[in-house]
Every structure is written in C-alpha cells, then in structure tokens.
C-alpha cells in the first residue's frame, strides 16, 4: 500500500511480512542486553515536550545492530530499498537509494510509560523504516498517523500496522501515534546522507556533529576511518563541544529546503567519503 500527497509524491509505503519472527526476537534480545550494559548512554525515557506530548522508551541499537545482527541490518536496508523503488523516490524526487545512505539511528521503542506520541518530524534524515513488532490486537488505539505536506485541510492518514509489517516513509513528514492502551513495540531506523553514525554518536546523531566528524577525519587521518576502532574515534567526535561554526551545516540535509517544497538531496551530496 502507498499514500501520495497533493503533488502526487509517494509519502509512505506499507510492506507486509517485512521482518521475520526470529528477527523480531533477536532485536528484542539485543535491546535487552543493550539496556543492561549501556543503561545511560544507550537508553532514553524520551518525552516529546515540543510537540503534542507523549513519547517513548528508546533503546539505541545503531552500530550494535550492524555488529551483532548483520542479517537484520541487511533486511532493514533491503526493505527500505524495496519501498524506495515502489515509491519512485529516485526518479521522481532525485533521492539517493538507501543502500548508498548511512544508518543514522536504529531504535527499539516501547510505550509502556507513555500513552501517545505527539506529531513530529525525523528532521535531517531521508527515509524512516518502522517495523511493527507487536500484534495490534494486543493494544487499543496506537495508530500511526501521517500528515503529508500541503495536504488540504491538514488531513491526517492513519495506519495500524500489522505485526511484522513495515511502514517506510519520507522522514521529514509530520507523523505521530494516537492515544493507546496496551503493549506496543516498534523498531525504527533512519537513513541519511552521511555514513553510518559512529559509536560515539551514541544516541541519535546530529547533522552538525557528523559534519565536524567528517571534516576532522579528512584532515587528520591518513587511512579510512574504522568505525569500530576506539583510537579512530576518540579525538574526532565532537562530544558536546560548541559547534556554532558549523551551524550552516546543521540544517538538515533532508529532502525539503527550509523554504518551499523543493528537494535538496541528491546522490552527489552523499557524504560517503573516502576518508
């Protein structure tokens, strides 16, 4: 199933049987281990104060996913690629294919402590792939909704994804989750124009931080960055530094310009550097 906006752009694609039960169990187990060994750096009780409220409990799996569950990571890329081709995001919107993008964040989400998720964007990312881990019969409400840009009367579209299905959508499109009761577990992944966010990004990496990281790597290393080697990362990632000098790059590297609806991401803009 697909949904198009008023300008005939496909905004979201739903794919059934996008992840296997064994892969779902693997993701849950990886999330449980992550919370045990990295309770502060890789877990967040995340409230969305700036939107319509609500939130989720988020376990950040990026890098761990690629190392410990490469088959699941490959499946995430393939499903996102399938949606990309179905939607025509390459030809119609000049967006790069997911297999040439990096993984910005990978998150296991549950809503045990929250009862909704306010409307928001995944700003700075290109594609979001959201996998439904729970049987929708086990919770009431909890519908995913999306608001395509320029939709007349701000009409919302609602999806209650089937277990093991995926919703793949353009990240900078407003979306959220309606009021819910009961266990709702999701597995979300965002792709962007950079390489995979390194371990020291820890949670959801910011565009400006990645710009600094890429620049430092180009200037200081005489070899390709090893994202899994501590020595290659400790002096490069800008940990909490003041990075105002890079505000021009913090924008968004997403698919919409700040003004208007023109798309600004192309394959030429990918930050897949030979560092």
C-alpha atoms as a PDB file:
ATOM      1  CA  UNK A   1       0.000   0.000   0.000  1.00  0.00           C
ATOM      2  CA  UNK A   2       1.144   3.555  -0.718  1.00  0.00           C
ATOM      3  CA  UNK A   3      -0.006   7.089   0.090  1.00  0.00           C
ATOM      4  CA  UNK A   4       0.619  10.101  -2.146  1.00  0.00           C
ATOM      5  CA  UNK A   5       0.362  13.800  -1.330  1.00  0.00           C
ATOM      6  CA  UNK A   6      -1.362  16.607  -3.234  1.00  0.00           C
ATOM      7  CA  UNK A   7       1.605  16.850  -5.609  1.00  0.00           C
ATOM      8  CA  UNK A   8       1.475  13.132  -6.402  1.00  0.00           C
ATOM      9  CA  UNK A   9       4.584  12.331  -4.373  1.00  0.00           C
ATOM     10  CA  UNK A  10       4.511   8.991  -2.592  1.00  0.00           C
ATOM     11  CA  UNK A  11       4.951   9.722   1.110  1.00  0.00           C
ATOM     12  CA  UNK A  12       4.709   6.292   2.689  1.00  0.00           C
ATOM     13  CA  UNK A  13       4.811   2.634   1.663  1.00  0.00           C
ATOM     14  CA  UNK A  14       3.484  -0.257   3.762  1.00  0.00           C
ATOM     15  CA  UNK A  15       5.132  -3.659   3.262  1.00  0.00           C
ATOM     16  CA  UNK A  16       3.699  -6.835   4.774  1.00  0.00           C
ATOM     17  CA  UNK A  17       5.892  -9.592   6.256  1.00  0.00           C
ATOM     18  CA  UNK A  18       8.887  -7.268   6.248  1.00  0.00           C
ATOM     19  CA  UNK A  19      10.653  -8.881   9.212  1.00  0.00           C
ATOM     20  CA  UNK A  20      10.588 -12.471  10.446  1.00  0.00           C
ATOM     21  CA  UNK A  21       9.534 -13.584  13.940  1.00  0.00           C
ATOM     22  CA  UNK A  22      13.084 -14.797  14.651  1.00  0.00           C
ATOM     23  CA  UNK A  23      14.497 -11.409  13.635  1.00  0.00           C
ATOM     24  CA  UNK A  24      11.994  -9.678  15.893  1.00  0.00           C
ATOM     25  CA  UNK A  25      13.124 -11.814  18.822  1.00  0.00           C
ATOM     26  CA  UNK A  26      16.756 -11.019  18.006  1.00  0.00           C
ATOM     27  CA  UNK A  27      16.047  -7.286  18.044  1.00  0.00           C
ATOM     28  CA  UNK A  28      14.297  -7.578  21.401  1.00  0.00           C
ATOM     29  CA  UNK A  29      17.173  -9.560  22.886  1.00  0.00           C
ATOM     30  CA  UNK A  30      19.745  -7.080  21.589  1.00  0.00           C
ATOM     31  CA  UNK A  31      17.728  -4.225  23.096  1.00  0.00           C
ATOM     32  CA  UNK A  32      17.529  -6.015  26.461  1.00  0.00           C
ATOM     33  CA  UNK A  33      21.297  -6.589  26.521  1.00  0.00           C
ATOM     34  CA  UNK A  34      21.948  -3.002  25.488  1.00  0.00           C
ATOM     35  CA  UNK A  35      19.916  -1.681  28.411  1.00  0.00           C
ATOM     36  CA  UNK A  36      21.896  -3.892  30.793  1.00  0.00           C
ATOM     37  CA  UNK A  37      25.380  -2.964  29.592  1.00  0.00           C
ATOM     38  CA  UNK A  38      24.805   0.619  28.421  1.00  0.00           C
ATOM     39  CA  UNK A  39      21.932   1.880  30.598  1.00  0.00           C
ATOM     40  CA  UNK A  40      22.935   5.542  30.486  1.00  0.00           C
ATOM     41  CA  UNK A  41      24.391   6.059  27.029  1.00  0.00           C
ATOM     42  CA  UNK A  42      22.035   3.841  25.043  1.00  0.00           C
ATOM     43  CA  UNK A  43      18.644   4.235  26.711  1.00  0.00           C
ATOM     44  CA  UNK A  44      16.353   7.239  26.944  1.00  0.00           C
ATOM     45  CA  UNK A  45      12.972   7.784  28.584  1.00  0.00           C
ATOM     46  CA  UNK A  46      12.115  10.192  25.794  1.00  0.00           C
ATOM     47  CA  UNK A  47       9.339  12.720  26.171  1.00  0.00           C
ATOM     48  CA  UNK A  48       8.289  14.879  23.226  1.00  0.00           C
ATOM     49  CA  UNK A  49       7.671  18.136  25.041  1.00  0.00           C
ATOM     50  CA  UNK A  50       7.864  20.319  21.953  1.00  0.00           C
ATOM     51  CA  UNK A  51       5.048  18.568  20.099  1.00  0.00           C
ATOM     52  CA  UNK A  52       1.686  17.335  21.292  1.00  0.00           C
ATOM     53  CA  UNK A  53       3.230  15.473  24.199  1.00  0.00           C
ATOM     54  CA  UNK A  54       3.725  11.799  24.754  1.00  0.00           C
ATOM     55  CA  UNK A  55       6.926   9.960  23.976  1.00  0.00           C
ATOM     56  CA  UNK A  56       8.507   6.526  24.125  1.00  0.00           C
ATOM     57  CA  UNK A  57      11.177   4.484  25.872  1.00  0.00           C
ATOM     58  CA  UNK A  58      14.003   4.233  23.355  1.00  0.00           C
ATOM     59  CA  UNK A  59      16.936   1.814  23.230  1.00  0.00           C
ATOM     60  CA  UNK A  60      19.542   2.883  20.666  1.00  0.00           C
ATOM     61  CA  UNK A  61      20.887  -0.032  18.630  1.00  0.00           C
ATOM     62  CA  UNK A  62      22.944   1.599  15.879  1.00  0.00           C
ATOM     63  CA  UNK A  63      26.408   0.059  15.429  1.00  0.00           C
ATOM     64  CA  UNK A  64      25.359  -2.811  17.715  1.00  0.00           C
ATOM     65  CA  UNK A  65      22.810  -3.803  15.080  1.00  0.00           C
ATOM     66  CA  UNK A  66      25.444  -3.903  12.343  1.00  0.00           C
ATOM     67  CA  UNK A  67      27.883  -5.892  14.505  1.00  0.00           C
ATOM     68  CA  UNK A  68      25.634  -8.439  16.194  1.00  0.00           C
ATOM     69  CA  UNK A  69      22.657  -8.699  13.832  1.00  0.00           C
ATOM     70  CA  UNK A  70      24.053  -8.148  10.324  1.00  0.00           C
ATOM     71  CA  UNK A  71      21.239 -10.172   8.760  1.00  0.00           C
ATOM     72  CA  UNK A  72      18.643  -7.914  10.393  1.00  0.00           C
ATOM     73  CA  UNK A  73      20.545  -4.822   9.281  1.00  0.00           C
ATOM     74  CA  UNK A  74      20.718  -6.149   5.727  1.00  0.00           C
ATOM     75  CA  UNK A  75      16.979  -6.808   5.842  1.00  0.00           C
ATOM     76  CA  UNK A  76      16.291  -3.244   7.041  1.00  0.00           C
ATOM     77  CA  UNK A  77      18.266  -1.877   4.091  1.00  0.00           C
ATOM     78  CA  UNK A  78      16.547  -4.224   1.633  1.00  0.00           C
ATOM     79  CA  UNK A  79      13.038  -3.374   2.853  1.00  0.00           C
ATOM     80  CA  UNK A  80      13.805   0.348   2.676  1.00  0.00           C
ATOM     81  CA  UNK A  81      15.208  -0.185  -0.825  1.00  0.00           C
ATOM     82  CA  UNK A  82      12.046  -2.039  -1.853  1.00  0.00           C
ATOM     83  CA  UNK A  83       9.892   0.871  -0.670  1.00  0.00           C
ATOM     84  CA  UNK A  84      12.233   3.335  -2.400  1.00  0.00           C
ATOM     85  CA  UNK A  85      11.736   1.576  -5.739  1.00  0.00           C
ATOM     86  CA  UNK A  86       7.983   1.157  -5.270  1.00  0.00           C
ATOM     87  CA  UNK A  87       7.571   4.851  -4.461  1.00  0.00           C
ATOM     88  CA  UNK A  88       9.859   6.055  -7.237  1.00  0.00           C
ATOM     89  CA  UNK A  89      11.792   8.272  -4.842  1.00  0.00           C
ATOM     90  CA  UNK A  90      14.855   8.054  -7.063  1.00  0.00           C
ATOM     91  CA  UNK A  91      13.332   9.108 -10.364  1.00  0.00           C
ATOM     92  CA  UNK A  92      10.608  11.377  -9.005  1.00  0.00           C
ATOM     93  CA  UNK A  93      12.425  13.056  -6.119  1.00  0.00           C
ATOM     94  CA  UNK A  94      16.098  12.562  -7.048  1.00  0.00           C
ATOM     95  CA  UNK A  95      16.833  10.977  -3.672  1.00  0.00           C
ATOM     96  CA  UNK A  96      19.764   8.572  -3.286  1.00  0.00           C
ATOM     97  CA  UNK A  97      18.991   4.874  -2.787  1.00  0.00           C
ATOM     98  CA  UNK A  98      19.038   3.604   0.797  1.00  0.00           C
ATOM     99  CA  UNK A  99      21.926   1.238   0.077  1.00  0.00           C
ATOM    100  CA  UNK A 100      24.070   4.303  -0.624  1.00  0.00           C
ATOM    101  CA  UNK A 101      22.945   6.097   2.532  1.00  0.00           C
ATOM    102  CA  UNK A 102      24.150   5.580   6.070  1.00  0.00           C
ATOM    103  CA  UNK A 103      22.179   4.450   9.107  1.00  0.00           C
ATOM    104  CA  UNK A 104      21.667   7.479  11.318  1.00  0.00           C
ATOM    105  CA  UNK A 105      19.881   5.701  14.157  1.00  0.00           C
ATOM    106  CA  UNK A 106      18.289   2.356  14.935  1.00  0.00           C
ATOM    107  CA  UNK A 107      15.859   2.275  17.840  1.00  0.00           C
ATOM    108  CA  UNK A 108      13.794  -0.258  19.743  1.00  0.00           C
ATOM    109  CA  UNK A 109      10.722   1.562  21.042  1.00  0.00           C
ATOM    110  CA  UNK A 110       8.033   0.724  23.550  1.00  0.00           C
ATOM    111  CA  UNK A 111       5.248   2.803  25.022  1.00  0.00           C
ATOM    112  CA  UNK A 112       4.811   1.232  28.446  1.00  0.00           C
ATOM    113  CA  UNK A 113       5.295   4.559  30.217  1.00  0.00           C
ATOM    114  CA  UNK A 114       3.756   6.737  27.511  1.00  0.00           C
ATOM    115  CA  UNK A 115       0.297   6.619  26.027  1.00  0.00           C
ATOM    116  CA  UNK A 116       0.819   8.545  22.795  1.00  0.00           C
ATOM    117  CA  UNK A 117       3.450  10.167  20.600  1.00  0.00           C
ATOM    118  CA  UNK A 118       2.983  13.767  19.540  1.00  0.00           C
ATOM    119  CA  UNK A 119       3.367  14.942  15.974  1.00  0.00           C
ATOM    120  CA  UNK A 120       6.988  15.470  14.908  1.00  0.00           C
ATOM    121  CA  UNK A 121       9.478  15.135  12.051  1.00  0.00           C
ATOM    122  CA  UNK A 122      12.571  12.980  11.775  1.00  0.00           C
ATOM    123  CA  UNK A 123      14.453  16.107  10.705  1.00  0.00           C
ATOM    124  CA  UNK A 124      17.718  15.640   8.871  1.00  0.00           C
ATOM    125  CA  UNK A 125      17.003  12.095   7.726  1.00  0.00           C
ATOM    126  CA  UNK A 126      15.806  10.918   4.314  1.00  0.00           C
ATOM    127  CA  UNK A 127      13.952   7.676   4.948  1.00  0.00           C
ATOM    128  CA  UNK A 128      12.437   6.157   8.087  1.00  0.00           C
ATOM    129  CA  UNK A 129      11.683   2.426   8.187  1.00  0.00           C
ATOM    130  CA  UNK A 130       9.343   1.491  11.040  1.00  0.00           C
ATOM    131  CA  UNK A 131       8.803  -2.213  11.769  1.00  0.00           C
ATOM    132  CA  UNK A 132       5.818  -3.387  13.805  1.00  0.00           C
ATOM    133  CA  UNK A 133       6.905  -5.924  16.426  1.00  0.00           C
ATOM    134  CA  UNK A 134       3.579  -6.207  18.277  1.00  0.00           C
ATOM    135  CA  UNK A 135       0.285  -7.780  17.321  1.00  0.00           C
ATOM    136  CA  UNK A 136      -2.114  -4.810  17.002  1.00  0.00           C
ATOM    137  CA  UNK A 137      -4.816  -6.907  18.683  1.00  0.00           C
ATOM    138  CA  UNK A 138      -2.871  -6.595  21.935  1.00  0.00           C
ATOM    139  CA  UNK A 139      -3.289  -2.825  22.228  1.00  0.00           C
ATOM    140  CA  UNK A 140      -6.104  -0.365  21.770  1.00  0.00           C
ATOM    141  CA  UNK A 141      -5.597   2.784  19.721  1.00  0.00           C
ATOM    142  CA  UNK A 142      -1.916   3.395  18.995  1.00  0.00           C
ATOM    143  CA  UNK A 143      -2.482   4.179  15.344  1.00  0.00           C
ATOM    144  CA  UNK A 144       0.396   5.660  13.394  1.00  0.00           C
ATOM    145  CA  UNK A 145      -0.692   8.839  11.619  1.00  0.00           C
ATOM    146  CA  UNK A 146       0.982  10.972   8.993  1.00  0.00           C
ATOM    147  CA  UNK A 147       0.316  14.444   7.589  1.00  0.00           C
ATOM    148  CA  UNK A 148       1.622  14.905   4.039  1.00  0.00           C
ATOM    149  CA  UNK A 149       2.971  18.353   3.288  1.00  0.00           C
ATOM    150  CA  UNK A 150       0.446  20.686   1.616  1.00  0.00           C
ATOM    151  CA  UNK A 151      -2.441  18.345   2.390  1.00  0.00           C
ATOM    152  CA  UNK A 152      -5.739  20.256   2.076  1.00  0.00           C
ATOM    153  CA  UNK A 153      -7.343  20.916   5.462  1.00  0.00           C
ATOM    154  CA  UNK A 154      -4.340  19.264   7.178  1.00  0.00           C
ATOM    155  CA  UNK A 155      -5.914  15.865   6.705  1.00  0.00           C
ATOM    156  CA  UNK A 156      -4.315  13.040   8.691  1.00  0.00           C
ATOM    157  CA  UNK A 157      -3.953   9.496   7.402  1.00  0.00           C
ATOM    158  CA  UNK A 158      -3.981   6.596   9.852  1.00  0.00           C
ATOM    159  CA  UNK A 159      -2.275   3.206   9.791  1.00  0.00           C
ATOM    160  CA  UNK A 160      -2.415   0.412  12.327  1.00  0.00           C
ATOM    161  CA  UNK A 161       0.444  -1.712  11.045  1.00  0.00           C
ATOM    162  CA  UNK A 162       0.121  -5.454  11.088  1.00  0.00           C
ATOM    163  CA  UNK A 163       2.672  -7.414  13.094  1.00  0.00           C
ATOM    164  CA  UNK A 164       5.917  -7.957  11.130  1.00  0.00           C
ATOM    165  CA  UNK A 165       4.976  -5.290   8.579  1.00  0.00           C
ATOM    166  CA  UNK A 166       6.951  -2.117   7.854  1.00  0.00           C
ATOM    167  CA  UNK A 167       5.981   1.486   7.204  1.00  0.00           C
ATOM    168  CA  UNK A 168       8.659   3.258   5.167  1.00  0.00           C
ATOM    169  CA  UNK A 169       8.194   6.996   4.748  1.00  0.00           C
ATOM    170  CA  UNK A 170       9.946  10.231   3.896  1.00  0.00           C
ATOM    171  CA  UNK A 171      11.458  11.275   7.219  1.00  0.00           C
ATOM    172  CA  UNK A 172      10.662  14.972   7.114  1.00  0.00           C
ATOM    173  CA  UNK A 173       6.926  14.345   7.033  1.00  0.00           C
ATOM    174  CA  UNK A 174       4.885  15.074  10.151  1.00  0.00           C
ATOM    175  CA  UNK A 175       3.800  11.917  11.952  1.00  0.00           C
ATOM    176  CA  UNK A 176       2.839  10.602  15.377  1.00  0.00           C
ATOM    177  CA  UNK A 177       0.910   7.931  17.320  1.00  0.00           C
ATOM    178  CA  UNK A 178      -2.626   8.246  18.705  1.00  0.00           C
ATOM    179  CA  UNK A 179      -3.609   7.519  22.311  1.00  0.00           C
ATOM    180  CA  UNK A 180      -3.064   3.885  23.192  1.00  0.00           C
ATOM    181  CA  UNK A 181      -3.526   1.265  25.878  1.00  0.00           C
ATOM    182  CA  UNK A 182      -1.549  -1.957  25.956  1.00  0.00           C
ATOM    183  CA  UNK A 183       1.889  -3.157  24.834  1.00  0.00           C
ATOM    184  CA  UNK A 184       3.132  -1.572  21.603  1.00  0.00           C
ATOM    185  CA  UNK A 185       6.689  -2.318  20.433  1.00  0.00           C
ATOM    186  CA  UNK A 186       8.320  -0.884  17.326  1.00  0.00           C
ATOM    187  CA  UNK A 187      11.718  -0.988  15.642  1.00  0.00           C
ATOM    188  CA  UNK A 188      12.619   2.188  13.749  1.00  0.00           C
ATOM    189  CA  UNK A 189      15.573   3.021  11.520  1.00  0.00           C
ATOM    190  CA  UNK A 190      16.529   6.313   9.874  1.00  0.00           C
ATOM    191  CA  UNK A 191      18.775   6.725   6.836  1.00  0.00           C
ATOM    192  CA  UNK A 192      20.645   9.927   5.984  1.00  0.00           C
ATOM    193  CA  UNK A 193      23.233  11.323   3.534  1.00  0.00           C
ATOM    194  CA  UNK A 194      26.240  10.501   5.723  1.00  0.00           C
ATOM    195  CA  UNK A 195      27.952   7.221   6.536  1.00  0.00           C
ATOM    196  CA  UNK A 196      26.613   5.211   9.480  1.00  0.00           C
ATOM    197  CA  UNK A 197      26.719   7.282  12.653  1.00  0.00           C
ATOM    198  CA  UNK A 198      29.747   6.104  14.711  1.00  0.00           C
ATOM    199  CA  UNK A 199      29.569   4.579  18.179  1.00  0.00           C
ATOM    200  CA  UNK A 200      30.447   7.836  19.904  1.00  0.00           C
ATOM    201  CA  UNK A 201      27.344   9.418  18.444  1.00  0.00           C
ATOM    202  CA  UNK A 202      25.688   7.123  20.999  1.00  0.00           C
ATOM    203  CA  UNK A 203      22.101   8.163  20.532  1.00  0.00           C
ATOM    204  CA  UNK A 204      20.549   9.971  17.569  1.00  0.00           C
ATOM    205  CA  UNK A 205      23.443  11.755  15.871  1.00  0.00           C
ATOM    206  CA  UNK A 206      23.054  15.376  14.830  1.00  0.00           C
ATOM    207  CA  UNK A 207      23.941  16.592  11.353  1.00  0.00           C
ATOM    208  CA  UNK A 208      26.292  19.281  12.654  1.00  0.00           C
ATOM    209  CA  UNK A 209      28.217  16.752  14.756  1.00  0.00           C
ATOM    210  CA  UNK A 210      28.635  14.472  11.768  1.00  0.00           C
ATOM    211  CA  UNK A 211      29.888  17.386   9.669  1.00  0.00           C
ATOM    212  CA  UNK A 212      32.581  18.072  12.268  1.00  0.00           C
ATOM    213  CA  UNK A 213      33.467  14.384  12.476  1.00  0.00           C
ATOM    214  CA  UNK A 214      33.797  14.031   8.697  1.00  0.00           C
ATOM    215  CA  UNK A 215      35.882  17.192   8.413  1.00  0.00           C
ATOM    216  CA  UNK A 216      38.243  16.120  11.194  1.00  0.00           C
ATOM    217  CA  UNK A 217      38.632  12.654   9.715  1.00  0.00           C
ATOM    218  CA  UNK A 218      39.517  14.059   6.310  1.00  0.00           C
ATOM    219  CA  UNK A 219      42.039  16.489   7.806  1.00  0.00           C
ATOM    220  CA  UNK A 220      43.756  14.264  10.359  1.00  0.00           C
ATOM    221  CA  UNK A 221      43.674  10.618   9.249  1.00  0.00           C
ATOM    222  CA  UNK A 222      45.865   9.033   6.610  1.00  0.00           C
ATOM    223  CA  UNK A 223      43.637   5.979   6.315  1.00  0.00           C
ATOM    224  CA  UNK A 224      39.982   5.045   6.064  1.00  0.00           C
ATOM    225  CA  UNK A 225      38.120   5.526   9.338  1.00  0.00           C
ATOM    226  CA  UNK A 226      37.497   2.313  11.238  1.00  0.00           C
ATOM    227  CA  UNK A 227      34.144   2.999  12.875  1.00  0.00           C
ATOM    228  CA  UNK A 228      34.698   0.187  15.352  1.00  0.00           C
ATOM    229  CA  UNK A 229      38.202   1.214  16.440  1.00  0.00           C
ATOM    230  CA  UNK A 230      38.347   3.379  19.545  1.00  0.00           C
ATOM    231  CA  UNK A 231      41.555   5.143  18.555  1.00  0.00           C
ATOM    232  CA  UNK A 232      39.998   6.387  15.313  1.00  0.00           C
ATOM    233  CA  UNK A 233      37.052   7.967  17.092  1.00  0.00           C
ATOM    234  CA  UNK A 234      38.058   9.383  20.463  1.00  0.00           C
ATOM    235  CA  UNK A 235      39.644  12.577  19.137  1.00  0.00           C
ATOM    236  CA  UNK A 236      37.269  13.079  16.230  1.00  0.00           C
ATOM    237  CA  UNK A 237      33.743  13.027  17.588  1.00  0.00           C
ATOM    238  CA  UNK A 238      32.757  16.473  18.981  1.00  0.00           C
ATOM    239  CA  UNK A 239      31.263  15.200  22.244  1.00  0.00           C
ATOM    240  CA  UNK A 240      29.234  18.250  23.466  1.00  0.00           C
ATOM    241  CA  UNK A 241      31.610  20.850  22.094  1.00  0.00           C
ATOM    242  CA  UNK A 242      30.456  24.269  20.986  1.00  0.00           C
ATOM    243  CA  UNK A 243      29.977  23.791  17.257  1.00  0.00           C
ATOM    244  CA  UNK A 244      28.367  27.089  16.324  1.00  0.00           C
ATOM    245  CA  UNK A 245      30.871  27.440  13.485  1.00  0.00           C
ATOM    246  CA  UNK A 246      29.117  24.577  11.812  1.00  0.00           C
ATOM    247  CA  UNK A 247      25.564  25.837  12.170  1.00  0.00           C
ATOM    248  CA  UNK A 248      25.286  26.295   8.420  1.00  0.00           C
ATOM    249  CA  UNK A 249      25.580  22.540   8.059  1.00  0.00           C
ATOM    250  CA  UNK A 250      23.230  21.714  10.889  1.00  0.00           C
ATOM    251  CA  UNK A 251      20.314  22.296   8.529  1.00  0.00           C
ATOM    252  CA  UNK A 252      19.122  19.403   7.709  1.00  0.00           C
ATOM    253  CA  UNK A 253      20.470  17.542   4.733  1.00  0.00           C
ATOM    254  CA  UNK A 254      16.939  16.275   4.393  1.00  0.00           C
ATOM    255  CA  UNK A 255      14.755  16.256   1.312  1.00  0.00           C
ATOM    256  CA  UNK A 256      12.977  19.590   1.758  1.00  0.00           C
ATOM    257  CA  UNK A 257      14.570  23.003   1.601  1.00  0.00           C
ATOM    258  CA  UNK A 258      13.847  25.279   4.565  1.00  0.00           C
ATOM    259  CA  UNK A 259      11.568  27.315   2.350  1.00  0.00           C
ATOM    260  CA  UNK A 260       9.180  25.751  -0.115  1.00  0.00           C
ATOM    261  CA  UNK A 261       8.912  22.198  -1.306  1.00  0.00           C
ATOM    262  CA  UNK A 262      11.976  21.888  -3.497  1.00  0.00           C
ATOM    263  CA  UNK A 263      14.012  18.804  -2.802  1.00  0.00           C
ATOM    264  CA  UNK A 264      17.658  19.321  -1.946  1.00  0.00           C
ATOM    265  CA  UNK A 265      19.198  15.891  -1.510  1.00  0.00           C
ATOM    266  CA  UNK A 266      20.828  14.147  -4.414  1.00  0.00           C
ATOM    267  CA  UNK A 267      23.285  11.349  -4.868  1.00  0.00           C
ATOM    268  CA  UNK A 268      26.040  13.921  -5.404  1.00  0.00           C
ATOM    269  CA  UNK A 269      25.527  15.220  -1.869  1.00  0.00           C
ATOM    270  CA  UNK A 270      26.215  11.913  -0.154  1.00  0.00           C
ATOM    271  CA  UNK A 271      28.894  12.057   2.485  1.00  0.00           C
ATOM    272  CA  UNK A 272      30.336   8.672   1.593  1.00  0.00           C
ATOM    273  CA  UNK A 273      33.895   9.991   1.762  1.00  0.00           C
ATOM    274  CA  UNK A 274      36.994   8.016   1.033  1.00  0.00           C
ATOM    275  CA  UNK A 275      38.453   9.192   4.330  1.00  0.00           C
END
